[in-house]
């Protein structure tokens, strides 16, 4: 058997050879513990079998390890390796890793910036983010904010507040959620929502609570962390929850069930969002996806004691 025959079979181009020949090569490779050379494939193809996932410096309710474990297994079954890359303020580190590793694609759970998209395009690397895996629905963050706001309005609160998270992390979600709250206020003829920005800090939260005209306010919170720190501040100030002030968070974190009273919140399947992103990437890479279809990422109210 020639070296060329073995090479073609090991590199997935053995369809024209007899099944017995392919089986002999496969057995020999297994016996020898053969692993193909990633460097050799990169030189031959101009790109590696690596897919880079950009980990944004922002908030996620679920464990990123859980989200990316399934993605790692899915890509590995197709001969692709998932590499995690932490996002930074500049594109220079991403440029270095892309130039050095020549990945097949870059994916991100949050929208890539214009600078990142331009960089990847200039390097000839495919990019996939939530916009590329969208099912054509409106901004999901507007849906979240509207769902939170309607929950509070339905429970009798006629003045709403939207509480942003304010810290060093990026905020690709807050503007859409605030807009969703504003839309609900308009629909119900309520005043414009009051906007506060809160760090996960007791003094910051106390200042935010003291700035509001309580009682009678419902507070839509950016996430469960913001809701928890504001709930604690309201309790310290002696406000009754939910009689004087109501809260609803976002992310359905485990700790949301442990506050006093338990936190009303919104949950969603983050793994479905990751599944859609991987599906879009596989389709863009020309990988077979059979009947795999994008999933509808649904948001669900978790009503508890804070509203």
Foldseek 3Di string as FASTA:
>chain_A
DDPVQLVCLVVPNNPVPDPVVSVVSVVVCVVVVDDDDQVVVCVVPVAGLEEEEEEAQADAQDDVCVQCVVVQVVSVVVVHGYHYDYDDPDCVVVLVCCVVHRHQAYEYAADDDPRNVVSCVVSVHHYFYLVLLDPPDDDVLLVFLLVLLVVVVVVPQQAEAEEAEDDDGDPRRRVSSLVSNQVNCVVVVGDRHHYHYAYLDLVRLLVVVVVDDKFRYEYEYAALSSQQSNVVNCVVVPHDAPVIYFYEGEDPHPCQVVGVNRHKYKHKDVSLSSVSRSVSVCVVSVHDPDPDDRDDIDMDTDDTGRD
